[in-house]
């Protein structure tokens, strides 16, 4: 039975390898990118178990054909292994960036999330609030030692990368200015995913409104109304499902 399993794995590898080899280099790169975007946590864990941090950093800065071939070979083994693992839904993530002194509290969250159970806890210097409905929950983490300069620097670098041709665009300039005035970041985990009734989204947007801030989700910045400001191509124009 073991030999049959190994033979089947090799055949799968060959089939996938043949399909990937039939693609042009650009398509290979897109296939790798799509897989990584759809499976970020799983891919990151597998990469970190195979490559050193230095090697992974080099990959990020290498766009040569050898880079794509190396990732394609890795992708073949990852896809086959992934197909054999039980599918586990990944939660959604968001970050709320306030520009005033508003902070989550049980009272504030109860007023913004009617019908939800609110639980507060601590993880060292991090305050954790769980907003729980029967079908969806939002965990909000507030770090008292949040590194504002470091994170804003990374966000500005990301904005520069995706908007090089729009650096003089007033929207981009306004976004950067707003980010520079943020006072904290509330890291949010939405489990199992954003709900179709928009309870989770409504809570996060209300928290963003209270903080006169921005929200980052789906690789995109949104304003307090849920309208897209700037982000990666293909992300939703609005955060809400029902609008």
Foldseek 3Di string as FASTA:
>chain_A
DVVVVVVVLVVLLVVLVVVLVPDDLVVLVVVLVVVCLVPVVLVVVVCVVPDPPVVVVVLVVDPDSVSSVVSSSVVSVVVSVVVVDDDDFAWWKKKAFFLDDDDDDPVVLCVQQPPWDWDWDDDVQKIWIWTDDPAKIKIKIWHPPDDLVVVLVVVLVVLCVQPVVCPVPPLSVVQNVQSNSTDTMIIMTMPPYQDLVRSVVSSSLVSNVVRVHWMDTPQFIDHSVQATRDGDPPGDRGPHNVD
